[in-house]
């Protein structure tokens, strides 16, 4: 009995002919296994081709002098504060001073110390070979980038610096404006408070709560609201207020006006100033006094006018 095509290498037309019933029959016979039915290639085996590696090494290897190569292989510089290495404890130091590759600081320090050891070992050798190790003062080296490109970079850096300076100045100006507005509002509020305090002091002076004129000098301190009761009690103790005292001093004190001519029991009983002759018109008459200042009549005045003409 022919089995239906199961591999993925068949065409789409063949795959379309496989029905669910056929797949179930194939699974029941054990022809299908879980997973994708794909042919897997075997893993590649590593080959140690020693002859090929030696041939490649011989192709790019060059027998040059050490001055041209400048290669050196050394360990790191021993620590100054650490214990001095002896032949007995060299193996122990190697085990103890193993660098942890996950620690960035130890790894970078090991690179630095190894480079330092290489420099300390190579410099005397270069001096023996009379190879200069310092750049002369008049040394001229051609730059990797052209002058035009460096000029563009310089201009870009200058523009960036100018933009940063402008932004800083703008920030400073905004801060100064905010500070100026704050100072201006504080000054206006202070003036309003001083004006309100002066008006309250003037009202208190007019009402007699205070007799001081210090607020006219402009050094009036804000009067606390809790001093109102003290001012009222002070007014009750002192008597009339400053305004009343000033008016009494200017116009005098007339006493009671309303009902001042009313009779009382004492004035009704007091008859010491009563004179009967004067009261009834029977006093002493002196001649020449009556009519001395009497104005002449109309006809008399007309006759006097006609005579004068």
Protein backbone atom coordinates (compact mmCIF):
# COMPACT_ATOMS: atom_id res chain seq x y z
CA UNK A 1 0.00 0.00 0.00
CA UNK A 2 1.36 3.35 -0.99
CA UNK A 3 1.68 5.96 1.75
CA UNK A 4 0.82 9.57 1.11
CA UNK A 5 3.71 12.02 0.66
CA UNK A 6 4.77 13.34 4.05
CA UNK A 7 7.99 15.24 3.44
CA UNK A 8 8.12 18.97 2.82
CA UNK A 9 10.05 18.52 -0.43
CA UNK A 10 6.91 17.68 -2.48
CA UNK A 11 5.18 20.31 -4.50
CA UNK A 12 2.21 22.33 -3.34
CA UNK A 13 -0.07 20.36 -5.60
CA UNK A 14 0.94 17.06 -3.92
CA UNK A 15 0.49 18.60 -0.45
CA UNK A 16 -2.98 19.71 -1.35
CA UNK A 17 -3.92 16.07 -2.11
CA UNK A 18 -3.17 14.94 1.47
CA UNK A 19 -6.36 14.89 3.46
CA UNK A 20 -6.93 14.80 7.19
CA UNK A 21 -8.01 11.17 7.01
CA UNK A 22 -4.75 10.14 5.40
CA UNK A 23 -2.75 12.06 7.98
CA UNK A 24 -4.63 10.32 10.80
CA UNK A 25 -3.94 6.91 9.24
CA UNK A 26 -0.24 7.75 8.89
CA UNK A 27 -0.07 8.91 12.53
CA UNK A 28 -1.78 5.71 13.72
CA UNK A 29 0.82 3.58 11.83
CA UNK A 30 3.64 5.61 13.47
CA UNK A 31 4.85 7.28 10.32
CA UNK A 32 4.40 10.78 11.80
CA UNK A 33 6.39 12.04 14.78
CA UNK A 34 5.78 15.16 16.87
CA UNK A 35 7.46 18.28 15.54
CA UNK A 36 8.24 19.52 12.06
CA UNK A 37 9.03 16.85 9.49
CA UNK A 38 12.17 18.59 8.19
CA UNK A 39 15.42 16.84 7.35
CA UNK A 40 18.14 18.20 9.68
CA UNK A 41 21.74 18.44 8.57
CA UNK A 42 24.43 17.10 10.84
CA UNK A 43 26.74 19.39 12.84
CA UNK A 44 30.02 20.36 11.23
CA UNK A 45 33.13 18.79 12.60
CA UNK A 46 36.06 21.04 13.49
CA UNK A 47 39.22 20.19 11.59
CA UNK A 48 42.66 21.06 12.98
CA UNK A 49 44.53 21.71 9.72
CA UNK A 50 48.05 22.29 11.06
CA UNK A 51 49.71 22.28 7.68
CA UNK A 52 47.27 24.83 6.28
CA UNK A 53 47.78 27.14 9.25
CA UNK A 54 51.57 26.92 8.89
CA UNK A 55 51.27 27.69 5.20
CA UNK A 56 49.15 30.78 5.92
CA UNK A 57 51.62 31.89 8.58
CA UNK A 58 54.53 31.52 6.15
CA UNK A 59 52.71 33.66 3.57
CA UNK A 60 52.35 36.83 5.73
CA UNK A 61 55.32 36.31 8.06
CA UNK A 62 58.26 38.64 7.48
CA UNK A 63 61.68 38.39 9.10
CA UNK A 64 62.18 42.00 10.19
CA UNK A 65 64.32 43.52 12.90
CA UNK A 66 62.89 44.23 16.32
CA UNK A 67 63.01 48.01 15.76
CA UNK A 68 60.59 47.58 12.89
CA UNK A 69 58.28 45.27 14.86
CA UNK A 70 58.49 46.68 18.41
CA UNK A 71 56.73 43.65 19.83
CA UNK A 72 57.19 42.68 23.45
CA UNK A 73 55.42 40.23 25.73
CA UNK A 74 55.49 40.99 29.45
CA UNK A 75 53.35 40.64 32.52
CA UNK A 76 51.94 43.53 34.52
CA UNK A 77 54.10 45.78 36.67
CA UNK A 78 54.30 44.54 40.29
CA UNK A 79 52.46 46.65 42.81
CA UNK A 80 54.58 49.10 44.81
CA UNK A 81 52.76 48.52 48.11
CA UNK A 82 52.43 44.78 47.55
CA UNK A 83 54.83 42.10 48.82
CA UNK A 84 58.00 41.50 46.85
CA UNK A 85 57.88 38.42 44.67
CA UNK A 86 60.20 35.56 45.54
CA UNK A 87 60.72 32.22 43.76
CA UNK A 88 58.75 30.46 46.47
CA UNK A 89 55.56 32.49 46.30
CA UNK A 90 55.44 33.16 42.54
CA UNK A 91 52.87 30.45 41.98
CA UNK A 92 50.78 31.73 44.90
CA UNK A 93 50.84 35.28 43.51
CA UNK A 94 49.71 34.01 40.11
CA UNK A 95 46.71 32.31 41.68
CA UNK A 96 45.87 35.22 43.99
CA UNK A 97 46.26 37.96 41.35
CA UNK A 98 43.94 36.47 38.79
CA UNK A 99 41.99 39.32 37.14
CA UNK A 100 38.24 39.01 37.17
CA UNK A 101 37.12 39.66 33.56
CA UNK A 102 33.72 40.87 34.74
CA UNK A 103 35.27 43.62 36.89
CA UNK A 104 35.86 46.61 34.60
CA UNK A 105 38.22 48.39 37.00
CA UNK A 106 40.50 45.39 37.51
CA UNK A 107 40.54 44.63 33.80
CA UNK A 108 41.49 48.20 32.81
CA UNK A 109 44.12 48.38 35.57
CA UNK A 110 45.68 45.15 34.33
CA UNK A 111 45.91 46.63 30.80
CA UNK A 112 47.46 49.81 32.19
CA UNK A 113 50.04 47.97 34.30
CA UNK A 114 50.96 45.66 31.45
CA UNK A 115 51.47 48.64 29.10
CA UNK A 116 53.53 50.35 31.81
CA UNK A 117 55.75 47.29 32.15
CA UNK A 118 56.24 47.18 28.37
CA UNK A 119 57.26 50.86 28.29
CA UNK A 120 59.72 50.44 31.17
CA UNK A 121 61.33 47.46 29.44
CA UNK A 122 61.44 48.90 25.90
CA UNK A 123 62.70 52.45 26.58
CA UNK A 124 66.24 51.44 27.66
CA UNK A 125 66.50 49.13 24.64
CA UNK A 126 65.49 51.98 22.32
CA UNK A 127 68.06 54.28 23.94
CA UNK A 128 70.74 51.64 23.34
CA UNK A 129 69.74 51.49 19.67
CA UNK A 130 69.80 55.35 19.57
CA UNK A 131 66.18 55.58 18.54
CA UNK A 132 64.61 58.95 19.54
CA UNK A 133 61.63 58.54 21.82
CA UNK A 134 60.60 62.21 22.18
CA UNK A 135 59.12 64.47 19.53
CA UNK A 136 61.34 67.46 18.64
CA UNK A 137 60.01 70.98 19.17
CA UNK A 138 60.07 71.78 15.42
CA UNK A 139 58.35 68.56 14.40
CA UNK A 140 55.81 69.00 11.61
CA UNK A 141 53.19 66.33 11.07
CA UNK A 142 50.68 66.42 8.26
CA UNK A 143 47.13 66.31 9.55
CA UNK A 144 44.77 63.60 8.43
CA UNK A 145 42.05 66.15 7.67
CA UNK A 146 42.35 69.03 5.23
CA UNK A 147 42.37 72.68 6.23
CA UNK A 148 38.96 73.27 4.65
CA UNK A 149 37.39 70.50 6.70
CA UNK A 150 39.04 71.77 9.89
CA UNK A 151 37.81 75.28 9.06
CA UNK A 152 34.27 73.95 8.73
CA UNK A 153 34.60 72.15 12.03
CA UNK A 154 35.97 75.31 13.66
CA UNK A 155 33.11 77.39 12.29
CA UNK A 156 30.58 74.82 13.48
CA UNK A 157 32.09 74.80 16.95
CA UNK A 158 32.11 78.60 17.06
CA UNK A 159 28.46 78.74 15.95
CA UNK A 160 27.57 76.17 18.60
CA UNK A 161 29.41 78.19 21.25
CA UNK A 162 27.68 81.41 20.17
CA UNK A 163 24.29 79.68 20.31
CA UNK A 164 25.06 78.41 23.81
CA UNK A 165 26.11 81.89 24.92
CA UNK A 166 22.91 83.36 23.49
CA UNK A 167 20.80 80.78 25.26
CA UNK A 168 22.61 81.49 28.54
CA UNK A 169 22.08 85.23 28.10
CA UNK A 170 18.41 84.63 27.35
CA UNK A 171 18.09 82.52 30.50
CA UNK A 172 19.80 85.24 32.54
CA UNK A 173 17.51 87.91 31.05
CA UNK A 174 14.43 85.83 31.85
CA UNK A 175 15.68 85.33 35.39
CA UNK A 176 16.37 89.07 35.74
CA UNK A 177 12.91 89.91 34.41
CA UNK A 178 11.31 87.56 36.88
CA UNK A 179 13.40 89.04 39.69
CA UNK A 180 12.58 92.59 38.53
CA UNK A 181 8.86 91.81 38.44
CA UNK A 182 9.10 90.29 41.87
CA UNK A 183 10.92 93.34 43.26
CA UNK A 184 8.44 95.66 41.56
CA UNK A 185 5.45 93.84 43.04
CA UNK A 186 7.10 93.86 46.46
CA UNK A 187 7.69 97.63 46.21
CA UNK A 188 4.10 98.26 45.12
CA UNK A 189 2.76 96.10 47.93
CA UNK A 190 5.00 97.92 50.40
CA UNK A 191 3.72 101.29 49.17
CA UNK A 192 0.14 100.13 49.46
CA UNK A 193 0.77 98.90 53.00
CA UNK A 194 2.42 102.20 53.96
CA UNK A 195 -0.48 104.15 52.45
CA UNK A 196 -3.03 102.02 54.28
CA UNK A 197 -1.12 102.43 57.55
CA UNK A 198 -0.93 106.21 57.08
CA UNK A 199 -4.64 106.47 56.33
CA UNK A 200 -5.46 104.39 59.41
CA UNK A 201 -3.14 106.57 61.51
CA UNK A 202 -4.81 109.75 60.18
CA UNK A 203 -8.26 108.37 60.97
CA UNK A 204 -7.15 107.45 64.46
CA UNK A 205 -5.70 110.90 64.95
CA UNK A 206 -8.95 112.51 63.75
CA UNK A 207 -11.01 110.33 66.03
CA UNK A 208 -8.73 110.99 68.97
CA UNK A 209 -7.35 107.49 69.39
CA UNK A 210 -3.83 108.89 69.07
CA UNK A 211 -2.24 112.32 69.54
CA UNK A 212 1.03 111.58 67.74
CA UNK A 213 1.94 113.04 64.37
CA UNK A 214 4.86 110.75 63.60
CA UNK A 215 3.12 109.33 60.53
CA UNK A 216 3.67 112.66 58.74
CA UNK A 217 7.41 111.95 58.68
CA UNK A 218 6.87 108.76 56.68
CA UNK A 219 8.42 106.54 59.34
CA UNK A 220 5.14 105.35 60.72
CA UNK A 221 5.25 101.69 61.62
CA UNK A 222 2.20 99.53 60.92
CA UNK A 223 -0.19 99.79 63.82
CA UNK A 224 -1.37 96.47 65.10
CA UNK A 225 -5.08 95.83 65.26
CA UNK A 226 -4.83 94.62 68.82
CA UNK A 227 -4.04 98.18 70.01
CA UNK A 228 -7.58 99.45 69.33
CA UNK A 229 -8.87 98.44 72.72
CA UNK A 230 -5.84 100.02 74.41
CA UNK A 231 -6.45 103.28 72.52
CA UNK A 232 -10.11 103.34 73.61
CA UNK A 233 -9.20 102.78 77.27
CA UNK A 234 -6.53 105.48 76.97
CA UNK A 235 -9.16 107.86 75.59
CA UNK A 236 -11.48 107.13 78.52
CA UNK A 237 -8.66 107.90 80.95
CA UNK A 238 -7.46 111.11 79.28
CA UNK A 239 -10.86 112.68 78.67
CA UNK A 240 -11.60 114.60 75.42
CA UNK A 241 -9.66 113.65 72.35
CA UNK A 242 -7.07 115.77 70.57
CA UNK A 243 -9.57 117.14 68.05
CA UNK A 244 -11.94 118.31 70.80
CA UNK A 245 -9.11 119.86 72.76
CA UNK A 246 -7.89 121.72 69.68
CA UNK A 247 -11.38 123.12 68.99
CA UNK A 248 -11.83 124.10 72.63
CA UNK A 249 -8.51 125.93 72.49
CA UNK A 250 -9.44 127.77 69.28
CA UNK A 251 -13.11 128.58 69.84
CA UNK A 252 -13.43 128.30 73.58
CA UNK A 253 -15.72 126.08 75.59
CA UNK A 254 -19.32 127.45 75.56
CA UNK A 255 -20.82 124.78 77.69
CA UNK A 256 -24.25 123.38 77.13
CA UNK A 257 -26.16 124.96 74.22
CA UNK A 258 -29.49 123.21 74.13
CA UNK A 259 -31.78 124.29 76.99
CA UNK A 260 -29.25 126.73 78.37
CA UNK A 261 -31.95 129.46 78.98
CA UNK A 262 -34.34 127.22 80.78
CA UNK A 263 -35.25 128.15 84.37
CA UNK A 264 -34.24 125.86 87.12
CA UNK A 265 -35.28 125.71 90.77
CA UNK A 266 -32.21 127.70 91.83
CA UNK A 267 -32.62 130.41 89.15
CA UNK A 268 -36.31 130.74 89.96
CA UNK A 269 -35.67 131.22 93.66
CA UNK A 270 -32.76 133.63 93.15
CA UNK A 271 -34.16 137.23 93.04
CA UNK A 272 -31.04 139.04 94.19
CA UNK A 273 -30.55 140.80 90.83
CA UNK A 274 -34.20 141.95 90.50
CA UNK A 275 -34.84 145.75 90.50
CA UNK A 276 -38.50 146.84 90.53
CA UNK A 277 -37.93 150.38 89.19
CA UNK A 278 -35.87 149.15 86.28
CA UNK A 279 -38.24 146.30 85.59
CA UNK A 280 -41.35 148.63 85.49
CA UNK A 281 -39.70 151.57 83.69
CA UNK A 282 -39.63 153.83 86.79
CA UNK A 283 -35.94 154.37 86.90
CA UNK A 284 -34.13 157.77 87.06
CA UNK A 285 -34.58 159.78 83.82
CA UNK A 286 -31.74 162.00 82.77
CA UNK A 287 -32.54 164.98 80.45
CA UNK A 288 -30.79 165.26 77.14
CA UNK A 289 -30.29 161.65 76.81
CA UNK A 290 -33.62 160.81 75.23
CA UNK A 291 -33.71 161.51 71.47
CA UNK A 292 -30.17 162.80 71.33
CA UNK A 293 -29.40 160.42 68.55
CA UNK A 294 -32.85 160.56 66.99
CA UNK A 295 -32.90 160.81 63.18
CA UNK A 296 -34.87 163.83 61.74
CA UNK A 297 -38.05 163.19 59.84
CA UNK A 298 -38.54 163.09 56.12
CA UNK A 299 -39.87 166.62 55.67
CA UNK A 300 -37.14 168.01 57.85
CA UNK A 301 -34.54 166.25 55.76
CA UNK A 302 -36.11 167.65 52.52
CA UNK A 303 -36.08 171.20 53.93
CA UNK A 304 -32.44 170.71 54.91
CA UNK A 305 -31.63 169.61 51.35
CA UNK A 306 -33.45 172.63 49.81
CA UNK A 307 -31.61 175.03 52.09
CA UNK A 308 -28.34 173.50 51.13
CA UNK A 309 -29.05 174.19 47.49
